[in-house]
Amino acid sequence: MDFTEGIILDIRNNGGGYFNYMYNTASLFYAGEKTLLYTSYKNGKGHGDFSEPKSYEQKGKAFIANTVPVVILTGRYTYSAANLFAFVMNDLPNSVLIGERTGGGGGPITCVTLPNGWILQYPFEKTYSTTRHKHGIWH
């Protein structure tokens, strides 16, 4: 395949999948060791009680050169690992997101059984882009 003129990835209506597949796919688009994102875990009862952000690094495979324009199509039904893929790819200099805001997700959840038997699920992690880190924006 010849990607020299660009590549369009359509991740609309993608419910996600395994995060390791997402990281491996993203690694096709950059070379060398790269910080992809930062995570901060809930560590207390207070609203702002989160750990210091920790980086997640991975080595890139550079299958597609960083000179190739990459367009990622997103939609409101882009969730979980697909949402995180868009998040990571958006920080690459040759990549642009086009479409609707994603549906979200992309982090671990915890479950609490309520007295009436219902189950409440909520995320306990915040994810930050490398762009936010450069500007010192954490919350």
C-alpha atoms as a PDB file:
ATOM      1  CA  MET A   1       0.000   0.000   0.000  1.00  0.00           C
ATOM      2  CA  ASP A   2       1.161   3.491  -0.757  1.00  0.00           C
ATOM      3  CA  PHE A   3       0.394   5.994   2.016  1.00  0.00           C
ATOM      4  CA  THR A   4       2.578   8.816   0.701  1.00  0.00           C
ATOM      5  CA  GLU A   5      -0.384  11.095  -0.093  1.00  0.00           C
ATOM      6  CA  GLY A   6      -2.073  10.435   3.235  1.00  0.00           C
ATOM      7  CA  ILE A   7      -4.256   7.994   5.085  1.00  0.00           C
ATOM      8  CA  ILE A   8      -7.801   8.257   6.449  1.00  0.00           C
ATOM      9  CA  LEU A   9      -8.781   6.108   9.438  1.00  0.00           C
ATOM     10  CA  ASP A  10     -12.514   5.860  10.104  1.00  0.00           C
ATOM     11  CA  ILE A  11     -13.109   4.967  13.762  1.00  0.00           C
ATOM     12  CA  ARG A  12     -16.708   6.206  13.883  1.00  0.00           C
ATOM     13  CA  ASN A  13     -19.086   3.681  15.474  1.00  0.00           C
ATOM     14  CA  ASN A  14     -16.131   1.840  17.016  1.00  0.00           C
ATOM     15  CA  GLY A  15     -16.934   0.543  20.477  1.00  0.00           C
ATOM     16  CA  GLY A  16     -13.301   0.002  21.405  1.00  0.00           C
ATOM     17  CA  GLY A  17     -11.500  -3.177  22.299  1.00  0.00           C
ATOM     18  CA  TYR A  18      -8.264  -4.173  23.957  1.00  0.00           C
ATOM     19  CA  PHE A  19      -5.987  -1.300  24.921  1.00  0.00           C
ATOM     20  CA  ASN A  20      -2.834  -3.190  23.947  1.00  0.00           C
ATOM     21  CA  TYR A  21      -4.155  -3.406  20.348  1.00  0.00           C
ATOM     22  CA  MET A  22      -4.816   0.334  20.399  1.00  0.00           C
ATOM     23  CA  TYR A  23      -1.281   1.113  21.607  1.00  0.00           C
ATOM     24  CA  ASN A  24       0.205  -1.243  19.008  1.00  0.00           C
ATOM     25  CA  THR A  25      -1.817   0.384  16.211  1.00  0.00           C
ATOM     26  CA  ALA A  26      -0.805   3.883  17.327  1.00  0.00           C
ATOM     27  CA  SER A  27       2.856   2.775  17.361  1.00  0.00           C
ATOM     28  CA  LEU A  28       2.705   2.356  13.574  1.00  0.00           C
ATOM     29  CA  PHE A  29       2.626   6.148  13.237  1.00  0.00           C
ATOM     30  CA  TYR A  30       5.739   7.255  15.161  1.00  0.00           C
ATOM     31  CA  ALA A  31       9.366   6.246  15.675  1.00  0.00           C
ATOM     32  CA  GLY A  32      11.399   5.758  18.833  1.00  0.00           C
ATOM     33  CA  GLU A  33      10.328   5.881  22.455  1.00  0.00           C
ATOM     34  CA  LYS A  34       7.363   8.223  22.921  1.00  0.00           C
ATOM     35  CA  THR A  35       5.252   9.345  25.852  1.00  0.00           C
ATOM     36  CA  LEU A  36       1.685   8.738  24.707  1.00  0.00           C
ATOM     37  CA  LEU A  37      -0.311   9.967  27.688  1.00  0.00           C
ATOM     38  CA  TYR A  38      -0.370  10.530  31.429  1.00  0.00           C
ATOM     39  CA  THR A  39      -2.715   8.947  33.972  1.00  0.00           C
ATOM     40  CA  SER A  40      -3.694   9.959  37.476  1.00  0.00           C
ATOM     41  CA  TYR A  41      -5.617   7.655  39.815  1.00  0.00           C
ATOM     42  CA  LYS A  42      -8.233   8.547  42.427  1.00  0.00           C
ATOM     43  CA  ASN A  43      -6.546   8.172  45.823  1.00  0.00           C
ATOM     44  CA  GLY A  44      -8.902   9.760  48.332  1.00  0.00           C
ATOM     45  CA  LYS A  45     -12.484  10.739  49.097  1.00  0.00           C
ATOM     46  CA  GLY A  46     -12.133  14.395  48.114  1.00  0.00           C
ATOM     47  CA  HIS A  47     -13.144  15.708  44.696  1.00  0.00           C
ATOM     48  CA  GLY A  48      -9.567  16.570  43.740  1.00  0.00           C
ATOM     49  CA  ASP A  49      -7.814  13.653  45.439  1.00  0.00           C
ATOM     50  CA  PHE A  50      -5.756  12.161  42.604  1.00  0.00           C
ATOM     51  CA  SER A  51      -2.215  10.843  42.385  1.00  0.00           C
ATOM     52  CA  GLU A  52       0.515  12.721  40.564  1.00  0.00           C
ATOM     53  CA  PRO A  53       0.285  11.978  36.823  1.00  0.00           C
ATOM     54  CA  LYS A  54       2.453   9.122  35.555  1.00  0.00           C
ATOM     55  CA  SER A  55       3.546   8.764  31.960  1.00  0.00           C
ATOM     56  CA  TYR A  56       2.857   5.846  29.641  1.00  0.00           C
ATOM     57  CA  GLU A  57       5.637   5.309  27.090  1.00  0.00           C
ATOM     58  CA  GLN A  58       5.897   2.959  24.151  1.00  0.00           C
ATOM     59  CA  LYS A  59       8.362   2.413  21.353  1.00  0.00           C
ATOM     60  CA  GLY A  60       7.055   3.260  17.892  1.00  0.00           C
ATOM     61  CA  LYS A  61       7.376   1.023  14.843  1.00  0.00           C
ATOM     62  CA  ALA A  62       7.199   3.891  12.300  1.00  0.00           C
ATOM     63  CA  PHE A  63       5.499   1.744   9.656  1.00  0.00           C
ATOM     64  CA  ILE A  64       3.917   4.940   8.321  1.00  0.00           C
ATOM     65  CA  ALA A  65       6.323   7.877   8.040  1.00  0.00           C
ATOM     66  CA  ASN A  66       5.667  10.971  10.143  1.00  0.00           C
ATOM     67  CA  THR A  67       5.542  12.997   6.905  1.00  0.00           C
ATOM     68  CA  VAL A  68       2.339  11.222   5.814  1.00  0.00           C
ATOM     69  CA  PRO A  69      -0.828  13.199   6.647  1.00  0.00           C
ATOM     70  CA  VAL A  70      -3.202  11.175   8.841  1.00  0.00           C
ATOM     71  CA  VAL A  71      -6.905  11.998   9.167  1.00  0.00           C
ATOM     72  CA  ILE A  72      -8.958  10.233  11.837  1.00  0.00           C
ATOM     73  CA  LEU A  73     -12.743  10.325  11.503  1.00  0.00           C
ATOM     74  CA  THR A  74     -14.528  10.288  14.866  1.00  0.00           C
ATOM     75  CA  GLY A  75     -18.140  10.207  15.985  1.00  0.00           C
ATOM     76  CA  ARG A  76     -20.282  10.172  19.073  1.00  0.00           C
ATOM     77  CA  TYR A  77     -20.255   6.356  19.007  1.00  0.00           C
ATOM     78  CA  THR A  78     -16.463   6.178  19.221  1.00  0.00           C
ATOM     79  CA  TYR A  79     -15.805   4.700  22.676  1.00  0.00           C
ATOM     80  CA  SER A  80     -13.213   3.232  25.004  1.00  0.00           C
ATOM     81  CA  ALA A  81      -9.989   2.095  23.290  1.00  0.00           C
ATOM     82  CA  ALA A  82     -11.050   3.796  20.027  1.00  0.00           C
ATOM     83  CA  ASN A  83     -11.547   7.036  21.962  1.00  0.00           C
ATOM     84  CA  LEU A  84      -8.101   6.639  23.516  1.00  0.00           C
ATOM     85  CA  PHE A  85      -6.616   5.942  20.059  1.00  0.00           C
ATOM     86  CA  ALA A  86      -8.023   9.262  18.799  1.00  0.00           C
ATOM     87  CA  PHE A  87      -6.684  10.937  21.962  1.00  0.00           C
ATOM     88  CA  VAL A  88      -3.144   9.607  21.370  1.00  0.00           C
ATOM     89  CA  MET A  89      -3.147  10.224  17.622  1.00  0.00           C
ATOM     90  CA  ASN A  90      -4.324  13.809  18.091  1.00  0.00           C
ATOM     91  CA  ASP A  91      -0.965  14.636  19.690  1.00  0.00           C
ATOM     92  CA  LEU A  92       1.012  13.547  16.634  1.00  0.00           C
ATOM     93  CA  PRO A  93       2.089  16.497  14.450  1.00  0.00           C
ATOM     94  CA  ASN A  94       0.912  14.940  11.165  1.00  0.00           C
ATOM     95  CA  SER A  95      -2.480  13.805  12.488  1.00  0.00           C
ATOM     96  CA  VAL A  96      -5.842  15.573  12.657  1.00  0.00           C
ATOM     97  CA  LEU A  97      -9.251  14.544  14.033  1.00  0.00           C
ATOM     98  CA  ILE A  98     -12.340  15.316  11.979  1.00  0.00           C
ATOM     99  CA  GLY A  99     -15.945  14.673  12.942  1.00  0.00           C
ATOM    100  CA  GLU A 100     -18.030  14.688  16.067  1.00  0.00           C
ATOM    101  CA  ARG A 101     -16.869  14.581  19.648  1.00  0.00           C
ATOM    102  CA  THR A 102     -16.271  10.990  20.738  1.00  0.00           C
ATOM    103  CA  GLY A 103     -18.500   9.136  23.170  1.00  0.00           C
ATOM    104  CA  GLY A 104     -15.682   8.938  25.714  1.00  0.00           C
ATOM    105  CA  GLY A 105     -14.330   6.166  27.832  1.00  0.00           C
ATOM    106  CA  GLY A 106     -10.902   4.660  27.765  1.00  0.00           C
ATOM    107  CA  GLY A 107     -10.031   4.065  31.383  1.00  0.00           C
ATOM    108  CA  PRO A 108     -10.577   1.550  34.155  1.00  0.00           C
ATOM    109  CA  ILE A 109     -13.804   1.583  36.144  1.00  0.00           C
ATOM    110  CA  THR A 110     -14.788   0.504  39.611  1.00  0.00           C
ATOM    111  CA  CYS A 111     -18.154  -0.985  40.591  1.00  0.00           C
ATOM    112  CA  VAL A 112     -20.241  -0.428  43.717  1.00  0.00           C
ATOM    113  CA  THR A 113     -23.386  -2.398  44.494  1.00  0.00           C
ATOM    114  CA  LEU A 114     -26.058  -0.073  45.883  1.00  0.00           C
ATOM    115  CA  PRO A 115     -28.491  -1.144  48.642  1.00  0.00           C
ATOM    116  CA  ASN A 116     -31.285  -1.601  46.074  1.00  0.00           C
ATOM    117  CA  GLY A 117     -29.145  -4.071  44.090  1.00  0.00           C
ATOM    118  CA  TRP A 118     -28.221  -1.690  41.289  1.00  0.00           C
ATOM    119  CA  ILE A 119     -24.588  -1.495  40.275  1.00  0.00           C
ATOM    120  CA  LEU A 120     -22.916   1.900  39.970  1.00  0.00           C
ATOM    121  CA  GLN A 121     -19.859   1.967  37.717  1.00  0.00           C
ATOM    122  CA  TYR A 122     -17.541   4.965  37.484  1.00  0.00           C
ATOM    123  CA  PRO A 123     -14.023   5.707  36.264  1.00  0.00           C
ATOM    124  CA  PHE A 124     -11.268   6.182  38.834  1.00  0.00           C
ATOM    125  CA  GLU A 125      -8.596   7.534  36.529  1.00  0.00           C
ATOM    126  CA  LYS A 126      -7.941  10.783  34.686  1.00  0.00           C
ATOM    127  CA  THR A 127      -6.039  10.732  31.408  1.00  0.00           C
ATOM    128  CA  TYR A 128      -3.996  13.672  30.170  1.00  0.00           C
ATOM    129  CA  SER A 129      -2.501  14.293  26.762  1.00  0.00           C
ATOM    130  CA  THR A 130       1.143  15.127  26.221  1.00  0.00           C
ATOM    131  CA  THR A 131      -0.006  18.553  25.019  1.00  0.00           C
ATOM    132  CA  ARG A 132      -1.648  19.288  28.374  1.00  0.00           C
ATOM    133  CA  HIS A 133       1.538  18.169  30.121  1.00  0.00           C
ATOM    134  CA  LYS A 134       3.654  20.615  28.088  1.00  0.00           C
ATOM    135  CA  HIS A 135       1.428  23.444  29.300  1.00  0.00           C
ATOM    136  CA  GLY A 136       1.302  22.261  32.926  1.00  0.00           C
ATOM    137  CA  ILE A 137      -2.480  21.745  32.811  1.00  0.00           C
ATOM    138  CA  TRP A 138      -3.503  18.829  34.996  1.00  0.00           C
ATOM    139  CA  HIS A 139      -6.987  19.622  36.301  1.00  0.00           C
END
